[in-house]
Amino acid sequence: MMFSKAFRHTALVASIGLLAATTAQAQKYRTAAGIRVGGGQYGLTVQQKIFEKTTLEGLGLVSSREVSATLLAERHFGILGPSLNYYFGAGGHVGNHKDDGAFGGIDALAGVEYKIALSPIVLSVDFKPTVEFGSDDWARFPTAFSVRYILVKEKNTSFINRVFRGDKDKPKSKEKTKSGTRRGLFDF
C-alpha cells in the first residue's frame, strides 16, 4: 500500500515535469553577457540569439601580449531539454600582438553550456581552434570557460504556461458584421 502511494506521487511529479518541459527551443535566453577565461586570455563575451537555434557571439579578449576581437555564429542543440546545450560555430577574429603587430584569422568552436535553474546565469566551456594570418603562431587550440548573465529572457511557451495563461499571448481578432456588432453563435 505504501509502495503504490509513493509510486503514484513519483509518477505525478514526473508527468508534470515532462509536460512543463519545452522541446522546441535549444536555449532559454535571447541576450546574455559575461566574462570568458582560458587559453592565457580573459575578456568579455556577449551572445545574441538571431534565429531559433542560432546566436552571434562577440568576444573581446586580452592577454599579456595581445588584444583581439572575435565574432562567431553558433548553432545550439538541446541535450535533455533547453537548460543543457551543445553548440558548434565558426567565425573570424582580428587583433594586435605586441611583438608581431596586427593579425587576423578564422575560428571554429565546439562547446557545452548550462543555464542554472532558477537563476539568470549561464555557464559554458568550449574548444576554439584558430588559424592565424600575420602572426608567428599559425594555429592555436585554446579551451575556455565563460560565465554569462542573461539580459533578455526567452518567452516561456511551455505547456503549463499555455494552460494557465490561456490565450493572453494570442492576438485578439474581432469578427464584425457590416453593422459593426459582433457576430454571435446563433446569428445568421
N, C-alpha and C. Protein backbone atom coordinates (compact mmCIF):
# COMPACT_ATOMS: atom_id res chain seq x y z
N MET A 1 0.83 -1.18 0.00
CA MET A 1 0.00 0.00 0.00
C MET A 1 0.88 1.25 0.00
N MET A 2 1.90 1.26 0.85
CA MET A 2 2.79 2.41 0.93
C MET A 2 3.57 2.56 -0.38
N PHE A 3 3.97 1.45 -1.01
CA PHE A 3 4.71 1.48 -2.26
C PHE A 3 3.87 2.10 -3.37
N SER A 4 2.58 1.75 -3.47
CA SER A 4 1.76 2.27 -4.56
C SER A 4 1.50 3.76 -4.39
N LYS A 5 1.38 4.26 -3.18
CA LYS A 5 1.18 5.69 -2.95
C LYS A 5 2.43 6.47 -3.35
N ALA A 6 3.60 5.95 -3.00
CA ALA A 6 4.85 6.60 -3.38
C ALA A 6 5.04 6.54 -4.89
N PHE A 7 4.68 5.44 -5.51
CA PHE A 7 4.79 5.30 -6.95
C PHE A 7 3.88 6.30 -7.66
N ARG A 8 2.65 6.46 -7.19
CA ARG A 8 1.72 7.42 -7.80
C ARG A 8 2.25 8.85 -7.67
N HIS A 9 2.79 9.17 -6.51
CA HIS A 9 3.33 10.51 -6.30
C HIS A 9 4.50 10.78 -7.25
N THR A 10 5.41 9.81 -7.38
CA THR A 10 6.55 9.95 -8.28
C THR A 10 6.10 10.07 -9.73
N ALA A 11 5.12 9.27 -10.13
CA ALA A 11 4.60 9.33 -11.50
C ALA A 11 3.96 10.68 -11.77
N LEU A 12 3.24 11.23 -10.80
CA LEU A 12 2.60 12.54 -10.97
C LEU A 12 3.65 13.63 -11.15
N VAL A 13 4.67 13.64 -10.31
CA VAL A 13 5.74 14.64 -10.41
C VAL A 13 6.47 14.53 -11.75
N ALA A 14 6.77 13.30 -12.17
CA ALA A 14 7.45 13.09 -13.45
C ALA A 14 6.58 13.56 -14.62
N SER A 15 5.28 13.30 -14.56
CA SER A 15 4.37 13.72 -15.63
C SER A 15 4.30 15.24 -15.73
N ILE A 16 4.21 15.91 -14.60
CA ILE A 16 4.17 17.37 -14.61
C ILE A 16 5.48 17.93 -15.16
N GLY A 17 6.59 17.32 -14.79
CA GLY A 17 7.88 17.75 -15.31
C GLY A 17 7.99 17.59 -16.81
N LEU A 18 7.49 16.49 -17.33
CA LEU A 18 7.52 16.27 -18.78
C LEU A 18 6.61 17.24 -19.51
N LEU A 19 5.46 17.55 -18.96
CA LEU A 19 4.55 18.49 -19.60
C LEU A 19 5.09 19.91 -19.57
N ALA A 20 5.81 20.27 -18.53
CA ALA A 20 6.33 21.63 -18.40
C ALA A 20 7.55 21.87 -19.27
N ALA A 21 8.22 20.83 -19.68
CA ALA A 21 9.45 20.99 -20.47
C ALA A 21 9.13 21.50 -21.86
N THR A 22 9.96 22.41 -22.36
CA THR A 22 9.82 22.86 -23.74
C THR A 22 10.78 22.05 -24.59
N THR A 23 10.32 21.60 -25.73
CA THR A 23 11.16 20.76 -26.57
C THR A 23 11.64 21.46 -27.82
N ALA A 24 11.02 22.55 -28.23
CA ALA A 24 11.37 23.19 -29.49
C ALA A 24 12.60 24.08 -29.39
N GLN A 25 12.89 24.61 -28.22
CA GLN A 25 13.98 25.55 -28.09
C GLN A 25 15.25 24.86 -27.65
N ALA A 26 16.38 25.43 -28.05
CA ALA A 26 17.65 24.87 -27.63
C ALA A 26 18.32 25.75 -26.59
N GLN A 27 17.74 26.86 -26.25
CA GLN A 27 18.29 27.70 -25.21
C GLN A 27 17.19 28.55 -24.60
N LYS A 28 17.43 29.09 -23.39
CA LYS A 28 16.40 29.78 -22.65
C LYS A 28 16.61 31.29 -22.56
N TYR A 29 17.35 31.88 -23.47
CA TYR A 29 17.60 33.32 -23.41
C TYR A 29 17.77 33.88 -24.80
N ARG A 30 17.61 35.20 -24.91
CA ARG A 30 17.84 35.90 -26.18
C ARG A 30 19.19 36.63 -26.17
N THR A 31 19.52 37.27 -25.03
CA THR A 31 20.76 38.03 -24.92
C THR A 31 21.43 37.73 -23.58
N ALA A 32 22.74 37.45 -23.63
CA ALA A 32 23.50 37.19 -22.41
C ALA A 32 24.90 37.78 -22.57
N ALA A 33 25.45 38.28 -21.46
CA ALA A 33 26.78 38.88 -21.48
C ALA A 33 27.54 38.46 -20.23
N GLY A 34 28.87 38.37 -20.34
CA GLY A 34 29.65 37.97 -19.18
C GLY A 34 31.13 37.98 -19.44
N ILE A 35 31.83 37.11 -18.70
CA ILE A 35 33.29 37.05 -18.79
C ILE A 35 33.73 35.70 -19.34
N ARG A 36 34.91 35.70 -19.94
CA ARG A 36 35.48 34.48 -20.54
C ARG A 36 36.94 34.39 -20.10
N VAL A 37 37.36 33.21 -19.65
CA VAL A 37 38.72 33.00 -19.17
C VAL A 37 39.23 31.68 -19.76
N GLY A 38 40.44 31.71 -20.31
CA GLY A 38 41.05 30.48 -20.82
C GLY A 38 42.08 30.75 -21.89
N GLY A 39 42.97 29.79 -22.10
CA GLY A 39 43.98 29.90 -23.14
C GLY A 39 44.94 31.06 -22.91
N GLY A 40 45.15 31.46 -21.66
CA GLY A 40 46.03 32.58 -21.37
C GLY A 40 45.38 33.93 -21.63
N GLN A 41 44.08 33.95 -21.93
CA GLN A 41 43.36 35.19 -22.22
C GLN A 41 42.16 35.32 -21.30
N TYR A 42 41.69 36.54 -21.15
CA TYR A 42 40.45 36.81 -20.44
C TYR A 42 39.77 37.98 -21.13
N GLY A 43 38.46 38.09 -20.93
CA GLY A 43 37.76 39.19 -21.58
C GLY A 43 36.26 39.09 -21.44
N LEU A 44 35.58 39.76 -22.35
CA LEU A 44 34.12 39.85 -22.34
C LEU A 44 33.52 39.00 -23.44
N THR A 45 32.33 38.49 -23.17
CA THR A 45 31.58 37.72 -24.16
C THR A 45 30.13 38.21 -24.15
N VAL A 46 29.56 38.37 -25.34
CA VAL A 46 28.15 38.76 -25.49
C VAL A 46 27.53 37.85 -26.53
N GLN A 47 26.41 37.21 -26.17
CA GLN A 47 25.69 36.35 -27.11
C GLN A 47 24.32 36.94 -27.39
N GLN A 48 23.93 36.95 -28.68
CA GLN A 48 22.62 37.43 -29.09
C GLN A 48 21.98 36.38 -29.99
N LYS A 49 20.78 35.95 -29.62
CA LYS A 49 20.04 34.98 -30.43
C LYS A 49 19.50 35.70 -31.67
N ILE A 50 19.78 35.14 -32.86
CA ILE A 50 19.30 35.76 -34.09
C ILE A 50 18.28 34.91 -34.83
N PHE A 51 18.30 33.60 -34.64
CA PHE A 51 17.31 32.68 -35.19
C PHE A 51 16.93 31.70 -34.10
N GLU A 52 16.03 30.77 -34.40
CA GLU A 52 15.51 29.84 -33.40
C GLU A 52 16.59 29.14 -32.60
N LYS A 53 17.63 28.63 -33.26
CA LYS A 53 18.71 27.92 -32.55
C LYS A 53 20.09 28.48 -32.88
N THR A 54 20.15 29.73 -33.33
CA THR A 54 21.40 30.33 -33.78
C THR A 54 21.69 31.62 -33.03
N THR A 55 22.94 31.77 -32.60
CA THR A 55 23.36 33.00 -31.93
C THR A 55 24.60 33.58 -32.62
N LEU A 56 24.79 34.87 -32.40
CA LEU A 56 26.05 35.52 -32.73
C LEU A 56 26.72 35.80 -31.40
N GLU A 57 28.02 35.50 -31.32
CA GLU A 57 28.77 35.78 -30.11
C GLU A 57 29.95 36.66 -30.43
N GLY A 58 30.08 37.73 -29.68
CA GLY A 58 31.21 38.63 -29.80
C GLY A 58 32.13 38.45 -28.61
N LEU A 59 33.43 38.36 -28.87
CA LEU A 59 34.43 38.21 -27.81
C LEU A 59 35.43 39.36 -27.89
N GLY A 60 35.72 39.97 -26.77
CA GLY A 60 36.80 40.94 -26.66
C GLY A 60 37.80 40.36 -25.68
N LEU A 61 38.98 39.96 -26.16
CA LEU A 61 39.94 39.22 -25.32
C LEU A 61 41.26 39.97 -25.18
N VAL A 62 41.87 39.81 -24.01
CA VAL A 62 43.14 40.46 -23.69
C VAL A 62 44.05 39.41 -23.06
N SER A 63 45.34 39.45 -23.42
CA SER A 63 46.35 38.64 -22.73
C SER A 63 47.53 39.56 -22.43
N SER A 64 48.59 39.01 -21.91
CA SER A 64 49.74 39.86 -21.53
C SER A 64 50.41 40.50 -22.75
N ARG A 65 50.26 39.91 -23.95
CA ARG A 65 50.96 40.42 -25.13
C ARG A 65 50.05 40.80 -26.29
N GLU A 66 48.71 40.60 -26.15
CA GLU A 66 47.85 40.92 -27.29
C GLU A 66 46.43 41.27 -26.87
N VAL A 67 45.72 41.90 -27.80
CA VAL A 67 44.28 42.14 -27.67
C VAL A 67 43.64 41.66 -28.97
N SER A 68 42.40 41.13 -28.87
CA SER A 68 41.72 40.65 -30.07
C SER A 68 40.22 40.77 -29.91
N ALA A 69 39.54 40.79 -31.06
CA ALA A 69 38.08 40.79 -31.11
C ALA A 69 37.65 39.68 -32.05
N THR A 70 36.64 38.91 -31.65
CA THR A 70 36.18 37.76 -32.42
C THR A 70 34.67 37.83 -32.59
N LEU A 71 34.17 37.45 -33.76
CA LEU A 71 32.73 37.31 -33.99
C LEU A 71 32.47 35.89 -34.49
N LEU A 72 31.55 35.18 -33.80
CA LEU A 72 31.24 33.79 -34.10
C LEU A 72 29.75 33.60 -34.33
N ALA A 73 29.38 32.80 -35.30
CA ALA A 73 28.00 32.35 -35.48
C ALA A 73 27.93 30.94 -34.92
N GLU A 74 26.94 30.68 -34.05
CA GLU A 74 26.86 29.39 -33.36
C GLU A 74 25.48 28.77 -33.53
N ARG A 75 25.46 27.46 -33.67
CA ARG A 75 24.22 26.69 -33.76
C ARG A 75 24.10 25.85 -32.50
N HIS A 76 22.97 25.99 -31.76
CA HIS A 76 22.76 25.31 -30.48
C HIS A 76 21.83 24.11 -30.65
N PHE A 77 22.10 23.05 -29.88
CA PHE A 77 21.31 21.83 -29.89
C PHE A 77 21.04 21.43 -28.45
N GLY A 78 19.78 21.18 -28.10
CA GLY A 78 19.42 20.83 -26.73
C GLY A 78 19.82 19.41 -26.36
N ILE A 79 20.24 19.26 -25.11
CA ILE A 79 20.51 17.94 -24.52
C ILE A 79 19.60 17.85 -23.30
N LEU A 80 18.66 16.93 -23.29
CA LEU A 80 17.75 16.76 -22.15
C LEU A 80 17.02 18.05 -21.81
N GLY A 81 16.48 18.75 -22.79
CA GLY A 81 15.73 19.98 -22.55
C GLY A 81 16.55 21.22 -22.87
N PRO A 82 15.97 22.41 -22.64
CA PRO A 82 16.62 23.64 -23.05
C PRO A 82 17.70 24.16 -22.10
N SER A 83 17.89 23.58 -20.92
CA SER A 83 18.88 24.11 -19.98
C SER A 83 20.30 23.66 -20.29
N LEU A 84 20.47 22.52 -20.93
CA LEU A 84 21.78 22.00 -21.27
C LEU A 84 21.88 21.90 -22.79
N ASN A 85 22.87 22.58 -23.37
CA ASN A 85 23.05 22.62 -24.82
C ASN A 85 24.47 22.29 -25.20
N TYR A 86 24.62 21.79 -26.41
CA TYR A 86 25.94 21.77 -27.03
C TYR A 86 25.84 22.64 -28.27
N TYR A 87 26.95 23.19 -28.72
CA TYR A 87 26.90 24.09 -29.86
C TYR A 87 28.18 23.99 -30.68
N PHE A 88 28.02 24.34 -31.96
CA PHE A 88 29.13 24.41 -32.90
C PHE A 88 29.07 25.77 -33.58
N GLY A 89 30.21 26.24 -34.02
CA GLY A 89 30.20 27.53 -34.70
C GLY A 89 31.49 27.80 -35.42
N ALA A 90 31.49 28.96 -36.11
CA ALA A 90 32.67 29.41 -36.84
C ALA A 90 32.61 30.93 -36.95
N GLY A 91 33.76 31.51 -37.23
CA GLY A 91 33.81 32.96 -37.37
C GLY A 91 35.22 33.41 -37.66
N GLY A 92 35.49 34.66 -37.30
CA GLY A 92 36.80 35.22 -37.55
C GLY A 92 37.20 36.18 -36.44
N HIS A 93 38.49 36.55 -36.46
CA HIS A 93 38.99 37.47 -35.45
C HIS A 93 40.07 38.37 -36.03
N VAL A 94 40.28 39.50 -35.37
CA VAL A 94 41.36 40.43 -35.67
C VAL A 94 41.97 40.84 -34.34
N GLY A 95 43.23 41.26 -34.38
CA GLY A 95 43.87 41.68 -33.15
C GLY A 95 45.21 42.32 -33.39
N ASN A 96 45.88 42.63 -32.29
CA ASN A 96 47.20 43.23 -32.34
C ASN A 96 48.08 42.57 -31.29
N HIS A 97 49.22 42.04 -31.75
CA HIS A 97 50.19 41.39 -30.87
C HIS A 97 51.34 42.36 -30.62
N LYS A 98 51.83 42.39 -29.41
CA LYS A 98 52.89 43.33 -29.01
C LYS A 98 54.16 43.15 -29.86
N ASP A 99 54.48 41.92 -30.22
CA ASP A 99 55.71 41.65 -30.98
C ASP A 99 55.47 41.60 -32.49
N ASP A 100 54.37 40.98 -32.92
CA ASP A 100 54.11 40.74 -34.34
C ASP A 100 53.27 41.81 -35.02
N GLY A 101 52.58 42.64 -34.28
CA GLY A 101 51.72 43.65 -34.88
C GLY A 101 50.32 43.08 -35.13
N ALA A 102 49.67 43.62 -36.15
CA ALA A 102 48.28 43.23 -36.47
C ALA A 102 48.22 41.81 -37.01
N PHE A 103 47.15 41.11 -36.67
CA PHE A 103 46.92 39.75 -37.17
C PHE A 103 45.43 39.53 -37.33
N GLY A 104 45.09 38.46 -38.00
CA GLY A 104 43.69 38.05 -38.19
C GLY A 104 43.64 36.55 -38.30
N GLY A 105 42.43 36.02 -38.41
CA GLY A 105 42.32 34.57 -38.55
C GLY A 105 40.90 34.10 -38.59
N ILE A 106 40.75 32.80 -38.77
CA ILE A 106 39.44 32.17 -38.77
C ILE A 106 39.35 31.24 -37.57
N ASP A 107 38.14 31.08 -37.07
CA ASP A 107 37.91 30.32 -35.85
C ASP A 107 36.86 29.24 -36.08
N ALA A 108 36.98 28.15 -35.36
CA ALA A 108 35.94 27.14 -35.24
C ALA A 108 35.61 27.06 -33.74
N LEU A 109 34.49 26.48 -33.40
CA LEU A 109 34.09 26.45 -32.00
C LEU A 109 33.21 25.24 -31.73
N ALA A 110 33.43 24.57 -30.61
CA ALA A 110 32.57 23.50 -30.13
C ALA A 110 32.50 23.64 -28.62
N GLY A 111 31.30 23.58 -28.07
CA GLY A 111 31.19 23.77 -26.63
C GLY A 111 29.91 23.22 -26.05
N VAL A 112 29.80 23.35 -24.72
CA VAL A 112 28.63 22.92 -23.96
C VAL A 112 28.27 24.07 -23.03
N GLU A 113 26.96 24.35 -22.90
CA GLU A 113 26.52 25.38 -21.96
C GLU A 113 25.37 24.88 -21.11
N TYR A 114 25.30 25.44 -19.89
CA TYR A 114 24.26 25.05 -18.94
C TYR A 114 23.67 26.30 -18.32
N LYS A 115 22.35 26.43 -18.40
CA LYS A 115 21.64 27.52 -17.75
C LYS A 115 21.25 27.04 -16.37
N ILE A 116 21.77 27.68 -15.32
CA ILE A 116 21.49 27.27 -13.95
C ILE A 116 20.02 27.52 -13.63
N ALA A 117 19.34 26.49 -13.12
CA ALA A 117 17.92 26.58 -12.81
C ALA A 117 17.64 27.69 -11.81
N LEU A 118 16.54 28.40 -12.03
CA LEU A 118 16.06 29.46 -11.15
C LEU A 118 17.06 30.60 -10.97
N SER A 119 17.95 30.80 -11.92
CA SER A 119 18.88 31.92 -11.86
C SER A 119 19.13 32.43 -13.28
N PRO A 120 19.62 33.65 -13.43
CA PRO A 120 19.90 34.20 -14.76
C PRO A 120 21.35 33.95 -15.22
N ILE A 121 21.95 32.85 -14.77
CA ILE A 121 23.35 32.57 -15.05
C ILE A 121 23.49 31.40 -16.03
N VAL A 122 24.37 31.57 -17.02
CA VAL A 122 24.69 30.53 -17.99
C VAL A 122 26.19 30.24 -17.90
N LEU A 123 26.55 28.97 -17.73
CA LEU A 123 27.95 28.54 -17.68
C LEU A 123 28.27 27.80 -18.97
N SER A 124 29.46 28.02 -19.52
CA SER A 124 29.83 27.28 -20.72
C SER A 124 31.32 27.00 -20.73
N VAL A 125 31.67 25.92 -21.40
CA VAL A 125 33.07 25.56 -21.64
C VAL A 125 33.17 25.20 -23.12
N ASP A 126 34.26 25.66 -23.77
CA ASP A 126 34.36 25.40 -25.20
C ASP A 126 35.81 25.22 -25.64
N PHE A 127 35.93 24.70 -26.85
CA PHE A 127 37.21 24.49 -27.53
C PHE A 127 37.14 25.33 -28.80
N LYS A 128 38.10 26.27 -28.98
CA LYS A 128 38.05 27.22 -30.10
C LYS A 128 39.38 27.23 -30.87
N PRO A 129 39.58 26.25 -31.76
CA PRO A 129 40.81 26.26 -32.56
C PRO A 129 40.79 27.41 -33.58
N THR A 130 41.96 28.01 -33.81
CA THR A 130 42.07 29.12 -34.75
C THR A 130 43.23 28.90 -35.71
N VAL A 131 43.10 29.47 -36.88
CA VAL A 131 44.18 29.55 -37.86
C VAL A 131 44.52 31.02 -37.97
N GLU A 132 45.81 31.34 -37.80
CA GLU A 132 46.26 32.73 -37.74
C GLU A 132 46.91 33.17 -39.06
N PHE A 133 46.69 34.44 -39.42
CA PHE A 133 47.35 35.09 -40.55
C PHE A 133 48.07 36.32 -40.02
N GLY A 134 49.36 36.46 -40.33
CA GLY A 134 50.14 37.62 -39.88
C GLY A 134 50.65 37.49 -38.46
N SER A 135 50.82 36.26 -37.99
CA SER A 135 51.30 36.03 -36.63
C SER A 135 52.31 34.89 -36.66
N ASP A 136 53.21 34.86 -35.68
CA ASP A 136 54.15 33.75 -35.58
C ASP A 136 53.45 32.43 -35.26
N ASP A 137 52.34 32.50 -34.52
CA ASP A 137 51.54 31.30 -34.25
C ASP A 137 50.61 31.08 -35.43
N TRP A 138 50.79 30.02 -36.16
CA TRP A 138 49.91 29.77 -37.31
C TRP A 138 48.61 29.10 -36.91
N ALA A 139 48.59 28.45 -35.73
CA ALA A 139 47.37 27.81 -35.25
C ALA A 139 47.40 27.80 -33.72
N ARG A 140 46.21 27.90 -33.14
CA ARG A 140 46.05 27.82 -31.68
C ARG A 140 44.89 26.89 -31.38
N PHE A 141 44.95 26.27 -30.20
CA PHE A 141 43.92 25.31 -29.81
C PHE A 141 43.48 25.55 -28.35
N PRO A 142 42.96 26.75 -28.03
CA PRO A 142 42.61 27.05 -26.64
C PRO A 142 41.23 26.51 -26.23
N THR A 143 41.10 26.27 -24.95
CA THR A 143 39.80 26.00 -24.33
C THR A 143 39.52 27.15 -23.37
N ALA A 144 38.23 27.37 -23.08
CA ALA A 144 37.89 28.49 -22.20
C ALA A 144 36.61 28.19 -21.44
N PHE A 145 36.42 28.93 -20.38
CA PHE A 145 35.24 28.85 -19.52
C PHE A 145 34.59 30.23 -19.50
N SER A 146 33.26 30.27 -19.68
CA SER A 146 32.53 31.54 -19.68
C SER A 146 31.41 31.50 -18.66
N VAL A 147 31.16 32.65 -18.05
CA VAL A 147 30.02 32.85 -17.16
C VAL A 147 29.27 34.05 -17.73
N ARG A 148 28.00 33.84 -18.09
CA ARG A 148 27.19 34.91 -18.67
C ARG A 148 25.97 35.17 -17.81
N TYR A 149 25.53 36.42 -17.80
CA TYR A 149 24.31 36.84 -17.12
C TYR A 149 23.26 37.09 -18.20
N ILE A 150 22.07 36.53 -18.03
CA ILE A 150 21.00 36.69 -19.03
C ILE A 150 20.42 38.09 -18.91
N LEU A 151 20.52 38.86 -19.97
CA LEU A 151 19.98 40.22 -20.01
C LEU A 151 18.54 40.24 -20.53
N VAL A 152 18.24 39.40 -21.54
CA VAL A 152 16.90 39.30 -22.11
C VAL A 152 16.51 37.83 -22.15
N LYS A 153 15.44 37.47 -21.42
CA LYS A 153 14.98 36.08 -21.36
C LYS A 153 14.20 35.70 -22.62
N GLU A 154 14.13 34.40 -22.89
CA GLU A 154 13.29 33.86 -23.94
C GLU A 154 11.88 33.75 -23.40
N LYS A 155 10.89 34.06 -24.22
CA LYS A 155 9.50 33.95 -23.80
C LYS A 155 9.16 32.50 -23.49
N ASN A 156 8.50 32.25 -22.35
CA ASN A 156 8.16 30.90 -21.92
C ASN A 156 6.93 30.41 -22.69
N THR A 157 7.08 29.32 -23.42
CA THR A 157 5.97 28.76 -24.19
C THR A 157 5.72 27.30 -23.81
N SER A 158 5.98 26.94 -22.56
CA SER A 158 5.77 25.57 -22.14
C SER A 158 4.28 25.23 -22.07
N PHE A 159 3.97 23.97 -22.03
CA PHE A 159 2.59 23.50 -21.97
C PHE A 159 1.88 24.06 -20.75
N ILE A 160 2.51 24.00 -19.60
CA ILE A 160 1.90 24.50 -18.36
C ILE A 160 1.60 25.99 -18.49
N ASN A 161 2.53 26.76 -19.07
CA ASN A 161 2.32 28.20 -19.23
C ASN A 161 1.13 28.47 -20.15
N ARG A 162 1.01 27.72 -21.24
CA ARG A 162 -0.12 27.92 -22.15
C ARG A 162 -1.43 27.57 -21.49
N VAL A 163 -1.46 26.53 -20.64
CA VAL A 163 -2.70 26.12 -19.98
C VAL A 163 -3.16 27.19 -18.99
N PHE A 164 -2.24 27.69 -18.15
CA PHE A 164 -2.63 28.63 -17.12
C PHE A 164 -2.77 30.06 -17.61
N ARG A 165 -2.07 30.44 -18.66
CA ARG A 165 -2.19 31.80 -19.17
C ARG A 165 -3.27 31.91 -20.23
N GLY A 166 -3.72 30.79 -20.77
CA GLY A 166 -4.80 30.82 -21.75
C GLY A 166 -4.38 31.47 -23.05
N ASP A 167 -5.24 32.34 -23.57
CA ASP A 167 -5.00 33.00 -24.85
C ASP A 167 -4.44 34.40 -24.69
N LYS A 168 -3.81 34.72 -23.59
CA LYS A 168 -3.28 36.06 -23.37
C LYS A 168 -2.20 36.43 -24.37
N ASP A 169 -1.44 35.45 -24.87
CA ASP A 169 -0.36 35.73 -25.79
C ASP A 169 -0.83 35.81 -27.24
N LYS A 170 -2.03 35.33 -27.52
CA LYS A 170 -2.53 35.34 -28.89
C LYS A 170 -3.16 36.69 -29.21
N PRO A 171 -2.97 37.19 -30.44
CA PRO A 171 -3.65 38.43 -30.80
C PRO A 171 -5.15 38.20 -30.88
N LYS A 172 -5.89 39.18 -30.41
CA LYS A 172 -7.34 39.05 -30.40
C LYS A 172 -7.90 39.58 -31.70
N SER A 173 -8.71 38.76 -32.37
CA SER A 173 -9.36 39.19 -33.59
C SER A 173 -10.85 39.32 -33.32
N LYS A 174 -11.39 40.38 -33.84
CA LYS A 174 -12.81 40.64 -33.64
C LYS A 174 -13.49 40.58 -35.00
N GLU A 175 -14.35 39.60 -35.15
CA GLU A 175 -15.11 39.50 -36.38
C GLU A 175 -16.32 40.39 -36.25
N LYS A 176 -16.45 41.35 -37.14
CA LYS A 176 -17.58 42.27 -37.10
C LYS A 176 -18.38 42.15 -38.38
N THR A 177 -19.65 42.35 -38.23
CA THR A 177 -20.52 42.34 -39.40
C THR A 177 -20.58 43.75 -39.97
N LYS A 178 -21.36 43.94 -41.02
CA LYS A 178 -21.48 45.24 -41.66
C LYS A 178 -22.03 46.29 -40.71
N SER A 179 -22.86 45.90 -39.77
CA SER A 179 -23.45 46.87 -38.85
C SER A 179 -22.49 47.24 -37.73
N GLY A 180 -21.36 46.56 -37.60
CA GLY A 180 -20.36 46.91 -36.60
C GLY A 180 -20.51 46.15 -35.30
N THR A 181 -21.45 45.21 -35.21
CA THR A 181 -21.59 44.44 -33.98
C THR A 181 -20.93 43.08 -34.16
N ARG A 182 -20.61 42.46 -33.05
CA ARG A 182 -20.01 41.13 -33.10
C ARG A 182 -21.02 40.11 -33.56
N ARG A 183 -20.51 39.12 -34.23
CA ARG A 183 -21.36 38.03 -34.72
C ARG A 183 -21.43 36.96 -33.64
N GLY A 184 -22.60 36.58 -33.23
CA GLY A 184 -22.80 35.57 -32.21
C GLY A 184 -22.93 34.19 -32.80
N LEU A 185 -23.06 33.19 -31.94
CA LEU A 185 -23.13 31.81 -32.35
C LEU A 185 -24.40 31.53 -33.15
N PHE A 186 -25.51 32.12 -32.75
CA PHE A 186 -26.76 31.85 -33.41
C PHE A 186 -27.20 32.96 -34.37
N ASP A 187 -26.32 33.92 -34.64
CA ASP A 187 -26.67 34.99 -35.60
C ASP A 187 -26.37 34.49 -37.00
N PHE A 188 -27.36 34.60 -37.89
CA PHE A 188 -27.17 34.15 -39.27
C PHE A 188 -27.21 35.29 -40.22
